[in-house]
Amino acid sequence: MSRVASRLLQEKGYLAFVDVLMGVGALSKEDYEKWRCRKVPYLERVVTMNLSKLNNLLRTLQRNSKNKGLRPSKTVYKSWGKRPKTTLRFSKSGDPNVEDGYSTHFVKPNERE
């Protein structure tokens, strides 16, 4: 995961858990797009990693990001398409703490700070 995270941080300037999942092969781009278009009720349904490993990967990303001085940034994921935009769910449970964990991006600090 560290190589994937380093590459994403270099390319985008931030880390998003969904990008890491795609980078490690646990989420296909097609399944991600289906979720964004509301064809999948929650993201965990299409992730090809068991929930224990998924949780461990998320916690590792959060810990490593904090240790590298990245700034957490709450992000709202809205659906794509012509229908009215709705907030997407990441987990089956819909637990707010779990949803926040999935949706938080980690951003490089501003060089002027």
C-alpha atoms as a PDB file:
ATOM      1  CA  MET A   1       0.000   0.000   0.000  1.00  0.00           C
ATOM      2  CA  SER A   2       2.818   2.469   0.715  1.00  0.00           C
ATOM      3  CA  ARG A   3       3.925   2.521  -2.934  1.00  0.00           C
ATOM      4  CA  VAL A   4       0.349   3.066  -4.066  1.00  0.00           C
ATOM      5  CA  ALA A   5      -0.173   5.846  -1.513  1.00  0.00           C
ATOM      6  CA  SER A   6       3.123   7.538  -2.429  1.00  0.00           C
ATOM      7  CA  ARG A   7       2.252   7.468  -6.127  1.00  0.00           C
ATOM      8  CA  LEU A   8      -1.251   8.850  -5.519  1.00  0.00           C
ATOM      9  CA  LEU A   9       0.077  11.600  -3.258  1.00  0.00           C
ATOM     10  CA  GLN A  10       2.639  12.565  -5.902  1.00  0.00           C
ATOM     11  CA  GLU A  11       0.064  12.546  -8.724  1.00  0.00           C
ATOM     12  CA  LYS A  12      -2.891  14.165  -6.970  1.00  0.00           C
ATOM     13  CA  GLY A  13      -1.496  15.967  -3.941  1.00  0.00           C
ATOM     14  CA  TYR A  14      -3.909  14.105  -1.660  1.00  0.00           C
ATOM     15  CA  LEU A  15      -4.915  10.589  -0.658  1.00  0.00           C
ATOM     16  CA  ALA A  16      -8.461   9.276  -0.959  1.00  0.00           C
ATOM     17  CA  PHE A  17      -9.259   5.822   0.401  1.00  0.00           C
ATOM     18  CA  VAL A  18     -11.245   4.888  -2.713  1.00  0.00           C
ATOM     19  CA  ASP A  19      -8.162   5.629  -4.841  1.00  0.00           C
ATOM     20  CA  VAL A  20      -6.025   3.467  -2.563  1.00  0.00           C
ATOM     21  CA  LEU A  21      -8.570   0.639  -2.867  1.00  0.00           C
ATOM     22  CA  MET A  22      -8.380   0.857  -6.648  1.00  0.00           C
ATOM     23  CA  GLY A  23      -4.594   1.061  -6.493  1.00  0.00           C
ATOM     24  CA  VAL A  24      -4.256  -2.147  -4.475  1.00  0.00           C
ATOM     25  CA  GLY A  25      -6.772  -3.963  -6.684  1.00  0.00           C
ATOM     26  CA  ALA A  26      -9.576  -4.241  -4.109  1.00  0.00           C
ATOM     27  CA  LEU A  27     -11.962  -2.044  -6.109  1.00  0.00           C
ATOM     28  CA  SER A  28     -12.344  -1.942  -9.874  1.00  0.00           C
ATOM     29  CA  LYS A  29     -12.885   1.335 -11.679  1.00  0.00           C
ATOM     30  CA  GLU A  30     -16.110  -0.121 -13.122  1.00  0.00           C
ATOM     31  CA  ASP A  31     -17.477  -0.969  -9.657  1.00  0.00           C
ATOM     32  CA  TYR A  32     -16.458   2.466  -8.378  1.00  0.00           C
ATOM     33  CA  GLU A  33     -18.372   4.093 -11.230  1.00  0.00           C
ATOM     34  CA  LYS A  34     -21.427   1.874 -10.604  1.00  0.00           C
ATOM     35  CA  TRP A  35     -21.394   3.022  -6.970  1.00  0.00           C
ATOM     36  CA  ARG A  36     -21.075   6.670  -8.000  1.00  0.00           C
ATOM     37  CA  CYS A  37     -24.078   6.214 -10.344  1.00  0.00           C
ATOM     38  CA  ARG A  38     -26.163   4.588  -7.528  1.00  0.00           C
ATOM     39  CA  LYS A  39     -26.214   1.160  -9.158  1.00  0.00           C
ATOM     40  CA  VAL A  40     -24.600  -0.244  -5.997  1.00  0.00           C
ATOM     41  CA  PRO A  41     -26.195   0.647  -2.606  1.00  0.00           C
ATOM     42  CA  TYR A  42     -22.902   0.988  -0.684  1.00  0.00           C
ATOM     43  CA  LEU A  43     -19.221   0.733  -1.586  1.00  0.00           C
ATOM     44  CA  GLU A  44     -18.331  -2.187   0.716  1.00  0.00           C
ATOM     45  CA  ARG A  45     -20.601  -4.398  -1.377  1.00  0.00           C
ATOM     46  CA  VAL A  46     -18.204  -4.285  -4.364  1.00  0.00           C
ATOM     47  CA  VAL A  47     -14.852  -4.167  -2.533  1.00  0.00           C
ATOM     48  CA  THR A  48     -13.029  -7.494  -2.956  1.00  0.00           C
ATOM     49  CA  MET A  49     -11.430  -7.460   0.498  1.00  0.00           C
ATOM     50  CA  ASN A  50     -12.946  -8.763   3.715  1.00  0.00           C
ATOM     51  CA  LEU A  51     -14.097  -6.159   6.224  1.00  0.00           C
ATOM     52  CA  SER A  52     -11.336  -6.946   8.713  1.00  0.00           C
ATOM     53  CA  LYS A  53      -8.594  -6.338   6.123  1.00  0.00           C
ATOM     54  CA  LEU A  54     -10.468  -3.324   4.802  1.00  0.00           C
ATOM     55  CA  ASN A  55     -10.635  -1.789   8.278  1.00  0.00           C
ATOM     56  CA  ASN A  56      -6.945  -2.525   8.853  1.00  0.00           C
ATOM     57  CA  LEU A  57      -6.021  -0.871   5.539  1.00  0.00           C
ATOM     58  CA  LEU A  58      -8.074   2.214   6.422  1.00  0.00           C
ATOM     59  CA  ARG A  59      -6.494   2.514   9.889  1.00  0.00           C
ATOM     60  CA  THR A  60      -3.009   2.094   8.405  1.00  0.00           C
ATOM     61  CA  LEU A  61      -3.704   4.825   5.847  1.00  0.00           C
ATOM     62  CA  GLN A  62      -4.974   7.165   8.572  1.00  0.00           C
ATOM     63  CA  ARG A  63      -1.992   6.492  10.859  1.00  0.00           C
ATOM     64  CA  ASN A  64       0.610   6.835   8.092  1.00  0.00           C
ATOM     65  CA  SER A  65      -1.012  10.009   6.779  1.00  0.00           C
ATOM     66  CA  LYS A  66      -0.967  11.582  10.224  1.00  0.00           C
ATOM     67  CA  ASN A  67       2.670  10.548  10.735  1.00  0.00           C
ATOM     68  CA  LYS A  68       3.626  12.166   7.404  1.00  0.00           C
ATOM     69  CA  GLY A  69       1.957  15.431   8.407  1.00  0.00           C
ATOM     70  CA  LEU A  70      -0.912  15.205   5.944  1.00  0.00           C
ATOM     71  CA  ARG A  71      -4.011  17.190   6.816  1.00  0.00           C
ATOM     72  CA  PRO A  72      -7.360  15.340   7.067  1.00  0.00           C
ATOM     73  CA  SER A  73     -10.099  16.876   4.948  1.00  0.00           C
ATOM     74  CA  LYS A  74     -13.735  15.804   5.195  1.00  0.00           C
ATOM     75  CA  THR A  75     -15.140  15.097   1.754  1.00  0.00           C
ATOM     76  CA  VAL A  76     -18.728  14.490   0.695  1.00  0.00           C
ATOM     77  CA  TYR A  77     -19.224  11.951  -2.069  1.00  0.00           C
ATOM     78  CA  LYS A  78     -22.277  12.757  -4.182  1.00  0.00           C
ATOM     79  CA  SER A  79     -23.803  10.572  -6.868  1.00  0.00           C
ATOM     80  CA  TRP A  80     -23.163  11.123 -10.559  1.00  0.00           C
ATOM     81  CA  GLY A  81     -25.761  11.257 -13.306  1.00  0.00           C
ATOM     82  CA  LYS A  82     -28.771  13.256 -14.341  1.00  0.00           C
ATOM     83  CA  ARG A  83     -30.928  12.441 -11.325  1.00  0.00           C
ATOM     84  CA  PRO A  84     -30.737  14.667  -8.235  1.00  0.00           C
ATOM     85  CA  LYS A  85     -27.394  14.292  -6.455  1.00  0.00           C
ATOM     86  CA  THR A  86     -27.483  12.255  -3.255  1.00  0.00           C
ATOM     87  CA  THR A  87     -24.836  11.558  -0.647  1.00  0.00           C
ATOM     88  CA  LEU A  88     -23.370   8.104  -1.208  1.00  0.00           C
ATOM     89  CA  ARG A  89     -22.910   5.405   1.430  1.00  0.00           C
ATOM     90  CA  PHE A  90     -19.653   3.571   1.928  1.00  0.00           C
ATOM     91  CA  SER A  91     -20.709   0.943   4.455  1.00  0.00           C
ATOM     92  CA  LYS A  92     -23.621  -1.431   4.917  1.00  0.00           C
ATOM     93  CA  SER A  93     -24.098  -0.151   8.476  1.00  0.00           C
ATOM     94  CA  GLY A  94     -24.070   3.538   7.554  1.00  0.00           C
ATOM     95  CA  ASP A  95     -22.349   4.254  10.895  1.00  0.00           C
ATOM     96  CA  PRO A  96     -21.253   7.925  10.838  1.00  0.00           C
ATOM     97  CA  ASN A  97     -17.764   7.117  12.170  1.00  0.00           C
ATOM     98  CA  VAL A  98     -17.212   4.507   9.471  1.00  0.00           C
ATOM     99  CA  GLU A  99     -18.571   6.832   6.784  1.00  0.00           C
ATOM    100  CA  ASP A 100     -16.233   9.618   7.952  1.00  0.00           C
ATOM    101  CA  GLY A 101     -13.256   7.256   7.861  1.00  0.00           C
ATOM    102  CA  TYR A 102     -13.930   6.259   4.263  1.00  0.00           C
ATOM    103  CA  SER A 103     -14.650   9.773   3.035  1.00  0.00           C
ATOM    104  CA  THR A 104     -11.777  11.661   4.674  1.00  0.00           C
ATOM    105  CA  HIS A 105      -9.032  12.675   2.270  1.00  0.00           C
ATOM    106  CA  PHE A 106      -5.482  13.402   3.404  1.00  0.00           C
ATOM    107  CA  VAL A 107      -3.975  16.494   1.850  1.00  0.00           C
ATOM    108  CA  LYS A 108      -0.393  17.713   1.554  1.00  0.00           C
ATOM    109  CA  PRO A 109       0.109  20.711   3.813  1.00  0.00           C
ATOM    110  CA  ASN A 110       0.340  24.079   2.119  1.00  0.00           C
ATOM    111  CA  GLU A 111       4.019  24.910   1.513  1.00  0.00           C
ATOM    112  CA  ARG A 112       3.456  28.432   2.861  1.00  0.00           C
ATOM    113  CA  GLU A 113       2.200  27.134   6.219  1.00  0.00           C
END
